[in-house]
Amino acid sequence: MSQIENGWSVLAQWVERGEVKMGGLRAGGVKARIQKSLSRMQSLRDDVRENLHLAGMEEMVEWQKLEERGLEIEQRLHEATKDVQANLDDMILRLSKLRSAMF
């Protein structure tokens, strides 16, 4: 399945669950899904970490890759959250100034 087809598939699932409305994604739905996925990732990561002593060499190599990727995902999520907040703050300030100039 191509990335475009996969994207449409995910969008269709969101529509079915009511997470997409005419105005776009419901913030609560997206935020809740991200938080749930992040918690699940962290839980699985903790379980794997606790049982690494049972792993073979191949699993250890895969673990190192996945641990690095998980940290990268957490960092990107943190940066994206800060970026979105900064953009929202900027828009609020600019819209407030425009409204003040109008009245």
N, C-alpha and C. Protein backbone atom coordinates (compact mmCIF):
# COMPACT_ATOMS: atom_id res chain seq x y z
N MET A 1 0.85 -1.18 0.00
CA MET A 1 0.00 0.00 0.00
C MET A 1 0.89 1.24 0.00
N SER A 2 0.62 2.18 -0.89
CA SER A 2 1.41 3.40 -0.96
C SER A 2 1.10 4.30 0.23
N GLN A 3 1.96 5.30 0.44
CA GLN A 3 1.73 6.23 1.54
C GLN A 3 0.42 7.00 1.34
N ILE A 4 0.11 7.33 0.11
CA ILE A 4 -1.14 8.06 -0.17
C ILE A 4 -2.34 7.19 0.15
N GLU A 5 -2.30 5.93 -0.31
CA GLU A 5 -3.40 5.02 -0.02
C GLU A 5 -3.54 4.80 1.48
N ASN A 6 -2.41 4.67 2.17
CA ASN A 6 -2.44 4.49 3.61
C ASN A 6 -3.03 5.73 4.29
N GLY A 7 -2.66 6.90 3.80
CA GLY A 7 -3.20 8.14 4.36
C GLY A 7 -4.71 8.23 4.20
N TRP A 8 -5.20 7.84 3.03
CA TRP A 8 -6.65 7.86 2.81
C TRP A 8 -7.34 6.84 3.70
N SER A 9 -6.70 5.71 3.91
CA SER A 9 -7.26 4.67 4.77
C SER A 9 -7.39 5.18 6.20
N VAL A 10 -6.34 5.83 6.67
CA VAL A 10 -6.36 6.39 8.03
C VAL A 10 -7.44 7.46 8.13
N LEU A 11 -7.54 8.32 7.13
CA LEU A 11 -8.56 9.37 7.13
C LEU A 11 -9.96 8.75 7.18
N ALA A 12 -10.18 7.69 6.41
CA ALA A 12 -11.48 7.02 6.42
C ALA A 12 -11.80 6.48 7.81
N GLN A 13 -10.80 5.94 8.48
CA GLN A 13 -11.01 5.44 9.84
C GLN A 13 -11.39 6.57 10.79
N TRP A 14 -10.74 7.72 10.64
CA TRP A 14 -11.05 8.87 11.48
C TRP A 14 -12.48 9.33 11.24
N VAL A 15 -12.90 9.35 9.98
CA VAL A 15 -14.26 9.76 9.65
C VAL A 15 -15.25 8.80 10.31
N GLU A 16 -15.00 7.50 10.21
CA GLU A 16 -15.88 6.51 10.81
C GLU A 16 -16.02 6.69 12.31
N ARG A 17 -14.94 7.06 12.96
CA ARG A 17 -14.96 7.24 14.42
C ARG A 17 -15.43 8.64 14.82
N GLY A 18 -15.74 9.49 13.87
CA GLY A 18 -16.22 10.83 14.19
C GLY A 18 -15.13 11.80 14.59
N GLU A 19 -13.87 11.49 14.25
CA GLU A 19 -12.77 12.37 14.61
C GLU A 19 -12.54 13.46 13.57
N VAL A 20 -13.21 13.36 12.43
CA VAL A 20 -13.08 14.38 11.40
C VAL A 20 -14.43 15.02 11.20
N LYS A 21 -14.46 16.33 11.23
CA LYS A 21 -15.67 17.09 11.01
C LYS A 21 -15.41 18.08 9.88
N MET A 22 -16.41 18.83 9.48
CA MET A 22 -16.25 19.77 8.37
C MET A 22 -15.12 20.75 8.62
N GLY A 23 -14.92 21.14 9.86
CA GLY A 23 -13.88 22.11 10.19
C GLY A 23 -12.51 21.49 10.39
N GLY A 24 -12.36 20.21 10.22
CA GLY A 24 -11.07 19.55 10.41
C GLY A 24 -11.13 18.54 11.53
N LEU A 25 -9.98 18.15 12.01
CA LEU A 25 -9.91 17.16 13.07
C LEU A 25 -10.34 17.75 14.40
N ARG A 26 -11.06 16.98 15.16
CA ARG A 26 -11.39 17.41 16.52
C ARG A 26 -10.12 17.33 17.34
N ALA A 27 -9.76 18.43 17.99
CA ALA A 27 -8.51 18.48 18.75
C ALA A 27 -8.48 17.41 19.83
N GLY A 28 -9.58 17.22 20.53
CA GLY A 28 -9.61 16.23 21.59
C GLY A 28 -9.38 14.83 21.08
N GLY A 29 -9.94 14.51 19.93
CA GLY A 29 -9.76 13.19 19.36
C GLY A 29 -8.33 12.91 18.98
N VAL A 30 -7.70 13.85 18.33
CA VAL A 30 -6.31 13.69 17.91
C VAL A 30 -5.40 13.64 19.13
N LYS A 31 -5.60 14.56 20.05
CA LYS A 31 -4.77 14.61 21.24
C LYS A 31 -4.89 13.31 22.05
N ALA A 32 -6.11 12.82 22.17
CA ALA A 32 -6.33 11.59 22.93
C ALA A 32 -5.66 10.41 22.24
N ARG A 33 -5.75 10.34 20.91
CA ARG A 33 -5.13 9.24 20.17
C ARG A 33 -3.61 9.28 20.31
N ILE A 34 -3.04 10.47 20.21
CA ILE A 34 -1.59 10.60 20.35
C ILE A 34 -1.16 10.20 21.75
N GLN A 35 -1.87 10.68 22.76
CA GLN A 35 -1.52 10.34 24.14
C GLN A 35 -1.64 8.84 24.38
N LYS A 36 -2.71 8.24 23.86
CA LYS A 36 -2.91 6.80 24.03
C LYS A 36 -1.78 6.02 23.34
N SER A 37 -1.43 6.42 22.14
CA SER A 37 -0.35 5.76 21.41
C SER A 37 0.99 5.93 22.11
N LEU A 38 1.25 7.14 22.61
CA LEU A 38 2.50 7.40 23.32
C LEU A 38 2.59 6.55 24.59
N SER A 39 1.50 6.47 25.32
CA SER A 39 1.49 5.65 26.54
C SER A 39 1.71 4.18 26.21
N ARG A 40 1.08 3.72 25.13
CA ARG A 40 1.24 2.31 24.72
C ARG A 40 2.69 2.05 24.33
N MET A 41 3.30 2.97 23.57
CA MET A 41 4.69 2.82 23.17
C MET A 41 5.60 2.75 24.40
N GLN A 42 5.38 3.65 25.35
CA GLN A 42 6.20 3.69 26.55
C GLN A 42 6.04 2.42 27.38
N SER A 43 4.83 1.91 27.47
CA SER A 43 4.57 0.69 28.21
C SER A 43 5.27 -0.51 27.57
N LEU A 44 5.15 -0.63 26.25
CA LEU A 44 5.83 -1.72 25.54
C LEU A 44 7.34 -1.60 25.67
N ARG A 45 7.84 -0.38 25.58
CA ARG A 45 9.27 -0.14 25.71
C ARG A 45 9.77 -0.57 27.09
N ASP A 46 9.00 -0.24 28.12
CA ASP A 46 9.38 -0.63 29.48
C ASP A 46 9.37 -2.14 29.64
N ASP A 47 8.37 -2.80 29.07
CA ASP A 47 8.31 -4.27 29.14
C ASP A 47 9.51 -4.90 28.46
N VAL A 48 9.86 -4.41 27.28
CA VAL A 48 11.00 -4.96 26.56
C VAL A 48 12.28 -4.72 27.35
N ARG A 49 12.45 -3.50 27.87
CA ARG A 49 13.65 -3.16 28.64
C ARG A 49 13.82 -4.09 29.84
N GLU A 50 12.72 -4.40 30.52
CA GLU A 50 12.77 -5.26 31.70
C GLU A 50 13.17 -6.69 31.36
N ASN A 51 12.92 -7.10 30.10
CA ASN A 51 13.18 -8.49 29.72
C ASN A 51 14.34 -8.63 28.73
N LEU A 52 15.18 -7.62 28.63
CA LEU A 52 16.30 -7.68 27.69
C LEU A 52 17.26 -8.82 27.98
N HIS A 53 17.35 -9.21 29.23
CA HIS A 53 18.27 -10.30 29.58
C HIS A 53 17.88 -11.62 28.91
N LEU A 54 16.65 -11.72 28.41
CA LEU A 54 16.18 -12.91 27.72
C LEU A 54 16.41 -12.85 26.21
N ALA A 55 16.83 -11.69 25.73
CA ALA A 55 16.94 -11.47 24.29
C ALA A 55 18.22 -12.04 23.71
N GLY A 56 18.13 -12.43 22.44
CA GLY A 56 19.30 -12.86 21.70
C GLY A 56 19.96 -11.65 21.05
N MET A 57 21.03 -11.88 20.34
CA MET A 57 21.77 -10.79 19.71
C MET A 57 20.91 -10.02 18.70
N GLU A 58 20.14 -10.72 17.89
CA GLU A 58 19.29 -10.07 16.88
C GLU A 58 18.26 -9.15 17.55
N GLU A 59 17.66 -9.63 18.64
CA GLU A 59 16.68 -8.82 19.36
C GLU A 59 17.34 -7.60 20.01
N MET A 60 18.57 -7.78 20.50
CA MET A 60 19.30 -6.65 21.12
C MET A 60 19.56 -5.55 20.10
N VAL A 61 19.94 -5.94 18.89
CA VAL A 61 20.20 -4.96 17.83
C VAL A 61 18.91 -4.24 17.47
N GLU A 62 17.82 -4.99 17.35
CA GLU A 62 16.52 -4.37 17.05
C GLU A 62 16.09 -3.45 18.17
N TRP A 63 16.33 -3.85 19.42
CA TRP A 63 15.99 -3.02 20.57
C TRP A 63 16.71 -1.68 20.51
N GLN A 64 18.00 -1.71 20.20
CA GLN A 64 18.77 -0.47 20.13
C GLN A 64 18.17 0.48 19.09
N LYS A 65 17.78 -0.05 17.95
CA LYS A 65 17.17 0.77 16.90
C LYS A 65 15.83 1.34 17.37
N LEU A 66 15.02 0.49 17.98
CA LEU A 66 13.69 0.92 18.41
C LEU A 66 13.76 1.91 19.57
N GLU A 67 14.70 1.69 20.48
CA GLU A 67 14.84 2.64 21.60
C GLU A 67 15.23 4.02 21.08
N GLU A 68 16.16 4.06 20.15
CA GLU A 68 16.58 5.34 19.56
C GLU A 68 15.41 6.02 18.84
N ARG A 69 14.65 5.24 18.09
CA ARG A 69 13.50 5.78 17.35
C ARG A 69 12.44 6.29 18.31
N GLY A 70 12.20 5.57 19.41
CA GLY A 70 11.22 6.01 20.39
C GLY A 70 11.60 7.34 21.03
N LEU A 71 12.87 7.49 21.35
CA LEU A 71 13.34 8.76 21.92
C LEU A 71 13.19 9.89 20.91
N GLU A 72 13.47 9.58 19.64
CA GLU A 72 13.30 10.58 18.58
C GLU A 72 11.84 11.00 18.44
N ILE A 73 10.94 10.04 18.50
CA ILE A 73 9.51 10.34 18.40
C ILE A 73 9.07 11.23 19.56
N GLU A 74 9.50 10.89 20.77
CA GLU A 74 9.14 11.70 21.93
C GLU A 74 9.67 13.13 21.79
N GLN A 75 10.90 13.27 21.31
CA GLN A 75 11.49 14.60 21.12
C GLN A 75 10.73 15.39 20.06
N ARG A 76 10.41 14.74 18.94
CA ARG A 76 9.67 15.42 17.87
C ARG A 76 8.28 15.84 18.34
N LEU A 77 7.65 15.00 19.13
CA LEU A 77 6.33 15.34 19.66
C LEU A 77 6.42 16.55 20.57
N HIS A 78 7.44 16.58 21.41
CA HIS A 78 7.65 17.73 22.30
C HIS A 78 7.89 19.01 21.50
N GLU A 79 8.75 18.92 20.47
CA GLU A 79 9.05 20.08 19.64
C GLU A 79 7.82 20.55 18.87
N ALA A 80 7.05 19.60 18.35
CA ALA A 80 5.84 19.96 17.60
C ALA A 80 4.84 20.66 18.50
N THR A 81 4.70 20.17 19.73
CA THR A 81 3.79 20.79 20.68
C THR A 81 4.20 22.22 20.97
N LYS A 82 5.51 22.43 21.19
CA LYS A 82 6.01 23.79 21.45
C LYS A 82 5.78 24.68 20.23
N ASP A 83 6.02 24.15 19.03
CA ASP A 83 5.85 24.92 17.80
C ASP A 83 4.39 25.32 17.60
N VAL A 84 3.49 24.37 17.80
CA VAL A 84 2.06 24.66 17.66
C VAL A 84 1.64 25.72 18.66
N GLN A 85 2.09 25.60 19.91
CA GLN A 85 1.73 26.58 20.92
C GLN A 85 2.27 27.97 20.56
N ALA A 86 3.50 28.03 20.08
CA ALA A 86 4.08 29.31 19.68
C ALA A 86 3.28 29.93 18.53
N ASN A 87 2.88 29.12 17.57
CA ASN A 87 2.09 29.62 16.45
C ASN A 87 0.72 30.10 16.90
N LEU A 88 0.10 29.36 17.82
CA LEU A 88 -1.19 29.79 18.35
C LEU A 88 -1.06 31.10 19.12
N ASP A 89 -0.03 31.21 19.94
CA ASP A 89 0.20 32.45 20.69
C ASP A 89 0.38 33.63 19.75
N ASP A 90 1.15 33.42 18.68
CA ASP A 90 1.38 34.47 17.70
C ASP A 90 0.07 34.88 17.02
N MET A 91 -0.74 33.90 16.63
CA MET A 91 -2.03 34.21 15.98
C MET A 91 -2.95 34.96 16.92
N ILE A 92 -3.00 34.56 18.17
CA ILE A 92 -3.85 35.25 19.15
C ILE A 92 -3.41 36.69 19.30
N LEU A 93 -2.12 36.91 19.41
CA LEU A 93 -1.59 38.27 19.53
C LEU A 93 -1.93 39.10 18.29
N ARG A 94 -1.69 38.55 17.12
CA ARG A 94 -1.94 39.29 15.88
C ARG A 94 -3.42 39.57 15.66
N LEU A 95 -4.27 38.59 15.96
CA LEU A 95 -5.71 38.80 15.82
C LEU A 95 -6.21 39.82 16.85
N SER A 96 -5.66 39.80 18.04
CA SER A 96 -6.04 40.78 19.06
C SER A 96 -5.68 42.19 18.62
N LYS A 97 -4.49 42.34 18.05
CA LYS A 97 -4.06 43.65 17.54
C LYS A 97 -4.96 44.12 16.40
N LEU A 98 -5.29 43.21 15.49
CA LEU A 98 -6.18 43.57 14.38
C LEU A 98 -7.54 43.99 14.88
N ARG A 99 -8.10 43.23 15.82
CA ARG A 99 -9.40 43.58 16.38
C ARG A 99 -9.35 44.94 17.05
N SER A 100 -8.29 45.20 17.80
CA SER A 100 -8.15 46.51 18.47
C SER A 100 -8.06 47.64 17.46
N ALA A 101 -7.38 47.41 16.37
CA ALA A 101 -7.23 48.44 15.34
C ALA A 101 -8.56 48.72 14.63
N MET A 102 -9.42 47.72 14.60
CA MET A 102 -10.71 47.87 13.92
C MET A 102 -11.72 48.65 14.75
N PHE A 103 -11.59 48.59 16.07
CA PHE A 103 -12.62 49.22 16.92
C PHE A 103 -12.07 50.36 17.69
